[in-house]
Amino acid sequence: MPTTDLTFPNNINVSVQIGDIIYYTPTSLTGIHDTAGAIVELGFVTAINGNTITVDYIAALPQPGDFIMFAKDRSVNMSSLLGYFAKFRIRNNSQDKAEMYSVSVDVTESSK
């Protein structure tokens, strides 16, 4: 599969990691608003070096000015706790009064 390097002038999102899927959409200026076209899947991230991302691409390459975005691979990045217990602390470092509306926990029995 061919690869391409996407180099950005600013820092990339710290959440981007190898295996993420890169998408892009062409943008154009209509009046005073930017508009976007169809979202195109570019390919998978194979390397990250500073502000450069290497992608195995499966579609046409983005053009300068296109909006680049990414998504996590759902089969790898499942967000749930593993183990028999969890401990967490919630702190408010502000000097202002704050109220917490809700705290919830997703529990799944993993063994007996």
N, C-alpha and C. Protein backbone atom coordinates (compact mmCIF):
# COMPACT_ATOMS: atom_id res chain seq x y z
N MET A 1 0.85 -1.18 0.00
CA MET A 1 0.00 0.00 0.00
C MET A 1 0.89 1.24 0.00
N PRO A 2 0.60 2.24 -0.81
CA PRO A 2 1.43 3.44 -0.84
C PRO A 2 1.28 4.26 0.45
N THR A 3 2.33 4.99 0.79
CA THR A 3 2.28 5.85 1.97
C THR A 3 2.51 7.29 1.57
N THR A 4 2.04 8.19 2.41
CA THR A 4 2.29 9.62 2.23
C THR A 4 2.51 10.25 3.58
N ASP A 5 3.24 11.36 3.61
CA ASP A 5 3.47 12.11 4.83
C ASP A 5 2.61 13.35 4.84
N LEU A 6 1.90 13.57 5.94
CA LEU A 6 1.13 14.79 6.16
C LEU A 6 1.88 15.61 7.19
N THR A 7 2.39 16.77 6.81
CA THR A 7 3.13 17.64 7.72
C THR A 7 2.28 18.86 8.04
N PHE A 8 2.16 19.16 9.31
CA PHE A 8 1.31 20.25 9.78
C PHE A 8 2.17 21.38 10.35
N PRO A 9 1.74 22.63 10.17
CA PRO A 9 2.52 23.77 10.68
C PRO A 9 2.45 23.89 12.20
N ASN A 10 1.40 23.33 12.81
CA ASN A 10 1.22 23.41 14.26
C ASN A 10 1.32 22.02 14.86
N ASN A 11 1.34 21.96 16.19
CA ASN A 11 1.37 20.67 16.87
C ASN A 11 0.13 19.86 16.52
N ILE A 12 0.32 18.54 16.34
CA ILE A 12 -0.82 17.68 16.08
C ILE A 12 -1.47 17.29 17.40
N ASN A 13 -2.69 16.82 17.34
CA ASN A 13 -3.42 16.41 18.53
C ASN A 13 -2.66 15.28 19.22
N VAL A 14 -2.50 15.38 20.54
CA VAL A 14 -1.73 14.38 21.28
C VAL A 14 -2.41 13.02 21.31
N SER A 15 -3.68 12.96 20.95
CA SER A 15 -4.41 11.69 20.96
C SER A 15 -4.16 10.85 19.72
N VAL A 16 -3.58 11.43 18.67
CA VAL A 16 -3.32 10.67 17.45
C VAL A 16 -2.27 9.61 17.75
N GLN A 17 -2.54 8.37 17.33
CA GLN A 17 -1.59 7.30 17.54
C GLN A 17 -1.60 6.36 16.33
N ILE A 18 -0.58 5.52 16.25
CA ILE A 18 -0.48 4.57 15.15
C ILE A 18 -1.71 3.66 15.16
N GLY A 19 -2.29 3.47 13.99
CA GLY A 19 -3.49 2.65 13.85
C GLY A 19 -4.76 3.47 13.71
N ASP A 20 -4.71 4.78 14.03
CA ASP A 20 -5.88 5.63 13.86
C ASP A 20 -6.20 5.79 12.38
N ILE A 21 -7.44 6.12 12.08
CA ILE A 21 -7.88 6.31 10.71
C ILE A 21 -7.93 7.81 10.41
N ILE A 22 -7.29 8.23 9.32
CA ILE A 22 -7.27 9.64 8.92
C ILE A 22 -8.34 9.87 7.87
N TYR A 23 -9.10 10.94 8.05
CA TYR A 23 -10.12 11.37 7.09
C TYR A 23 -9.79 12.80 6.67
N TYR A 24 -10.32 13.21 5.53
CA TYR A 24 -10.21 14.61 5.14
C TYR A 24 -11.46 15.02 4.37
N THR A 25 -11.68 16.31 4.31
CA THR A 25 -12.79 16.85 3.52
C THR A 25 -12.31 18.12 2.83
N PRO A 26 -12.58 18.24 1.55
CA PRO A 26 -12.23 19.49 0.86
C PRO A 26 -13.05 20.65 1.41
N THR A 27 -12.43 21.80 1.52
CA THR A 27 -13.14 22.99 1.99
C THR A 27 -13.09 24.07 0.92
N SER A 28 -14.08 24.92 0.96
CA SER A 28 -14.10 26.06 0.04
C SER A 28 -14.75 27.23 0.76
N LEU A 29 -14.45 28.42 0.29
CA LEU A 29 -15.00 29.63 0.88
C LEU A 29 -16.23 30.04 0.10
N THR A 30 -17.39 30.04 0.78
CA THR A 30 -18.64 30.46 0.18
C THR A 30 -19.10 31.69 0.93
N GLY A 31 -19.01 32.84 0.30
CA GLY A 31 -19.32 34.08 1.01
C GLY A 31 -18.28 34.31 2.08
N ILE A 32 -18.72 34.35 3.33
CA ILE A 32 -17.78 34.54 4.44
C ILE A 32 -17.60 33.25 5.26
N HIS A 33 -18.22 32.14 4.80
CA HIS A 33 -18.18 30.89 5.55
C HIS A 33 -17.40 29.83 4.79
N ASP A 34 -16.64 29.03 5.53
CA ASP A 34 -16.00 27.85 4.94
C ASP A 34 -17.04 26.74 4.86
N THR A 35 -17.08 26.05 3.75
CA THR A 35 -17.98 24.91 3.60
C THR A 35 -17.15 23.68 3.31
N ALA A 36 -17.67 22.52 3.69
CA ALA A 36 -16.94 21.26 3.51
C ALA A 36 -17.68 20.38 2.54
N GLY A 37 -16.92 19.55 1.83
CA GLY A 37 -17.50 18.59 0.92
C GLY A 37 -17.69 17.25 1.61
N ALA A 38 -17.67 16.18 0.84
CA ALA A 38 -17.83 14.84 1.39
C ALA A 38 -16.60 14.45 2.20
N ILE A 39 -16.80 13.66 3.23
CA ILE A 39 -15.70 13.17 4.05
C ILE A 39 -15.11 11.94 3.37
N VAL A 40 -13.79 11.94 3.20
CA VAL A 40 -13.08 10.87 2.50
C VAL A 40 -12.13 10.18 3.47
N GLU A 41 -12.17 8.84 3.52
CA GLU A 41 -11.21 8.10 4.35
C GLU A 41 -9.89 8.04 3.60
N LEU A 42 -8.85 8.56 4.22
CA LEU A 42 -7.54 8.57 3.58
C LEU A 42 -6.79 7.27 3.85
N GLY A 43 -6.73 6.81 5.10
CA GLY A 43 -6.03 5.58 5.43
C GLY A 43 -5.64 5.53 6.88
N PHE A 44 -4.71 4.61 7.21
CA PHE A 44 -4.30 4.36 8.59
C PHE A 44 -2.95 5.01 8.88
N VAL A 45 -2.81 5.54 10.11
CA VAL A 45 -1.55 6.12 10.56
C VAL A 45 -0.55 4.98 10.80
N THR A 46 0.62 5.09 10.17
CA THR A 46 1.66 4.08 10.36
C THR A 46 2.85 4.62 11.15
N ALA A 47 3.02 5.93 11.20
CA ALA A 47 4.13 6.51 11.96
C ALA A 47 3.80 7.97 12.31
N ILE A 48 4.37 8.43 13.41
CA ILE A 48 4.23 9.83 13.84
C ILE A 48 5.62 10.31 14.21
N ASN A 49 6.02 11.45 13.62
CA ASN A 49 7.33 12.02 13.91
C ASN A 49 7.16 13.53 14.02
N GLY A 50 7.07 14.04 15.25
CA GLY A 50 6.86 15.48 15.45
C GLY A 50 5.52 15.90 14.89
N ASN A 51 5.54 16.82 13.92
CA ASN A 51 4.31 17.31 13.29
C ASN A 51 4.01 16.61 11.97
N THR A 52 4.63 15.46 11.75
CA THR A 52 4.43 14.71 10.51
C THR A 52 3.79 13.36 10.83
N ILE A 53 2.74 13.05 10.10
CA ILE A 53 2.05 11.77 10.23
C ILE A 53 2.22 11.03 8.92
N THR A 54 2.66 9.76 8.99
CA THR A 54 2.76 8.91 7.81
C THR A 54 1.50 8.06 7.73
N VAL A 55 0.89 8.03 6.54
CA VAL A 55 -0.40 7.36 6.35
C VAL A 55 -0.30 6.38 5.19
N ASP A 56 -0.78 5.14 5.40
CA ASP A 56 -1.02 4.21 4.30
C ASP A 56 -2.32 4.64 3.65
N TYR A 57 -2.25 5.23 2.47
CA TYR A 57 -3.48 5.80 1.92
C TYR A 57 -4.16 4.88 0.92
N ILE A 58 -5.52 4.99 0.93
CA ILE A 58 -6.35 4.17 0.05
C ILE A 58 -7.21 5.03 -0.86
N ALA A 59 -7.09 6.33 -0.74
CA ALA A 59 -7.92 7.25 -1.52
C ALA A 59 -7.03 8.33 -2.12
N ALA A 60 -7.64 9.23 -2.85
CA ALA A 60 -6.91 10.37 -3.40
C ALA A 60 -6.36 11.21 -2.25
N LEU A 61 -5.23 11.83 -2.46
CA LEU A 61 -4.57 12.61 -1.41
C LEU A 61 -5.26 13.95 -1.20
N PRO A 62 -5.23 14.45 0.05
CA PRO A 62 -5.82 15.76 0.31
C PRO A 62 -5.00 16.87 -0.33
N GLN A 63 -5.64 17.97 -0.56
CA GLN A 63 -5.00 19.15 -1.13
C GLN A 63 -4.73 20.16 -0.01
N PRO A 64 -3.80 21.10 -0.22
CA PRO A 64 -3.59 22.15 0.79
C PRO A 64 -4.90 22.87 1.08
N GLY A 65 -5.21 23.06 2.35
CA GLY A 65 -6.44 23.72 2.75
C GLY A 65 -7.56 22.76 3.12
N ASP A 66 -7.42 21.46 2.79
CA ASP A 66 -8.44 20.48 3.17
C ASP A 66 -8.40 20.29 4.69
N PHE A 67 -9.55 19.97 5.26
CA PHE A 67 -9.66 19.75 6.70
C PHE A 67 -9.33 18.29 6.99
N ILE A 68 -8.34 18.06 7.86
CA ILE A 68 -7.88 16.72 8.20
C ILE A 68 -8.42 16.37 9.59
N MET A 69 -8.93 15.15 9.75
CA MET A 69 -9.44 14.69 11.05
C MET A 69 -9.07 13.23 11.24
N PHE A 70 -9.25 12.70 12.43
CA PHE A 70 -8.91 11.31 12.68
C PHE A 70 -9.94 10.66 13.58
N ALA A 71 -9.98 9.33 13.55
CA ALA A 71 -10.85 8.55 14.42
C ALA A 71 -10.06 7.38 14.98
N LYS A 72 -10.43 6.96 16.15
CA LYS A 72 -9.78 5.83 16.79
C LYS A 72 -10.33 4.53 16.24
N ASP A 73 -9.48 3.49 16.22
CA ASP A 73 -9.90 2.15 15.84
C ASP A 73 -10.70 1.58 17.01
N ARG A 74 -11.99 1.35 16.82
CA ARG A 74 -12.87 0.93 17.91
C ARG A 74 -12.53 -0.46 18.45
N SER A 75 -11.91 -1.30 17.66
CA SER A 75 -11.59 -2.64 18.15
C SER A 75 -10.41 -2.61 19.13
N VAL A 76 -9.62 -1.56 19.12
CA VAL A 76 -8.45 -1.46 19.99
C VAL A 76 -8.70 -0.54 21.17
N ASN A 77 -9.35 0.57 20.96
CA ASN A 77 -9.50 1.60 21.99
C ASN A 77 -10.86 1.51 22.68
N MET A 78 -11.08 0.44 23.39
CA MET A 78 -12.30 0.31 24.19
C MET A 78 -12.05 1.04 25.51
N SER A 79 -13.03 1.80 25.96
CA SER A 79 -12.80 2.59 27.17
C SER A 79 -13.65 2.04 28.32
N SER A 80 -13.11 1.07 29.01
CA SER A 80 -13.76 0.55 30.21
C SER A 80 -12.66 0.09 31.18
N LEU A 81 -13.02 0.05 32.43
CA LEU A 81 -12.07 -0.34 33.46
C LEU A 81 -11.90 -1.85 33.48
N LEU A 82 -10.70 -2.30 33.76
CA LEU A 82 -10.43 -3.72 33.92
C LEU A 82 -9.89 -3.94 35.32
N GLY A 83 -10.25 -5.07 35.92
CA GLY A 83 -9.75 -5.39 37.25
C GLY A 83 -10.90 -5.56 38.22
N TYR A 84 -10.54 -5.69 39.50
CA TYR A 84 -11.55 -5.97 40.52
C TYR A 84 -11.98 -4.75 41.30
N PHE A 85 -11.25 -3.68 41.23
CA PHE A 85 -11.64 -2.47 41.93
C PHE A 85 -11.05 -1.26 41.21
N ALA A 86 -11.63 -0.13 41.50
CA ALA A 86 -11.11 1.13 40.95
C ALA A 86 -11.21 2.18 42.04
N LYS A 87 -10.25 3.06 42.06
CA LYS A 87 -10.23 4.14 43.04
C LYS A 87 -9.98 5.44 42.29
N PHE A 88 -10.77 6.46 42.57
CA PHE A 88 -10.55 7.74 41.92
C PHE A 88 -10.85 8.86 42.89
N ARG A 89 -10.28 10.00 42.60
CA ARG A 89 -10.46 11.18 43.43
C ARG A 89 -10.85 12.34 42.52
N ILE A 90 -11.85 13.09 42.93
CA ILE A 90 -12.29 14.25 42.17
C ILE A 90 -11.92 15.48 42.99
N ARG A 91 -11.16 16.38 42.37
CA ARG A 91 -10.71 17.59 43.06
C ARG A 91 -11.14 18.83 42.29
N ASN A 92 -11.38 19.87 43.04
CA ASN A 92 -11.65 21.18 42.48
C ASN A 92 -10.52 22.10 42.94
N ASN A 93 -9.65 22.49 42.03
CA ASN A 93 -8.53 23.35 42.38
C ASN A 93 -8.87 24.83 42.28
N SER A 94 -10.10 25.14 41.95
CA SER A 94 -10.53 26.52 41.80
C SER A 94 -10.88 27.10 43.17
N GLN A 95 -10.77 28.41 43.31
CA GLN A 95 -11.18 29.09 44.52
C GLN A 95 -12.69 29.36 44.53
N ASP A 96 -13.32 29.18 43.35
CA ASP A 96 -14.75 29.44 43.23
C ASP A 96 -15.55 28.22 43.64
N LYS A 97 -16.77 28.45 44.09
CA LYS A 97 -17.67 27.37 44.46
C LYS A 97 -18.02 26.56 43.20
N ALA A 98 -18.07 25.25 43.34
CA ALA A 98 -18.43 24.39 42.23
C ALA A 98 -19.33 23.28 42.74
N GLU A 99 -20.27 22.86 41.90
CA GLU A 99 -21.16 21.76 42.25
C GLU A 99 -21.04 20.67 41.20
N MET A 100 -21.10 19.45 41.66
CA MET A 100 -21.05 18.32 40.73
C MET A 100 -22.48 17.84 40.50
N TYR A 101 -22.84 17.71 39.26
CA TYR A 101 -24.20 17.29 38.93
C TYR A 101 -24.35 15.78 39.04
N SER A 102 -23.38 15.03 38.51
CA SER A 102 -23.54 13.58 38.47
C SER A 102 -22.19 12.89 38.33
N VAL A 103 -22.09 11.71 38.91
CA VAL A 103 -20.96 10.81 38.71
C VAL A 103 -21.56 9.44 38.46
N SER A 104 -21.07 8.75 37.43
CA SER A 104 -21.61 7.42 37.15
C SER A 104 -20.48 6.45 36.87
N VAL A 105 -20.78 5.18 37.02
CA VAL A 105 -19.80 4.12 36.81
C VAL A 105 -20.46 3.02 36.00
N ASP A 106 -19.73 2.51 35.02
CA ASP A 106 -20.20 1.38 34.22
C ASP A 106 -19.52 0.14 34.76
N VAL A 107 -20.31 -0.80 35.31
CA VAL A 107 -19.76 -2.00 35.92
C VAL A 107 -20.18 -3.22 35.11
N THR A 108 -19.20 -4.06 34.79
CA THR A 108 -19.49 -5.31 34.10
C THR A 108 -18.80 -6.44 34.85
N GLU A 109 -19.58 -7.46 35.21
CA GLU A 109 -19.00 -8.60 35.91
C GLU A 109 -18.10 -9.36 34.96
N SER A 110 -16.82 -9.53 35.32
CA SER A 110 -15.88 -10.19 34.43
C SER A 110 -15.55 -11.61 34.86
N SER A 111 -15.73 -11.95 36.13
CA SER A 111 -15.45 -13.31 36.58
C SER A 111 -16.18 -13.55 37.89
N LYS A 112 -16.26 -14.80 38.28
CA LYS A 112 -16.91 -15.15 39.58
C LYS A 112 -15.97 -15.94 40.41
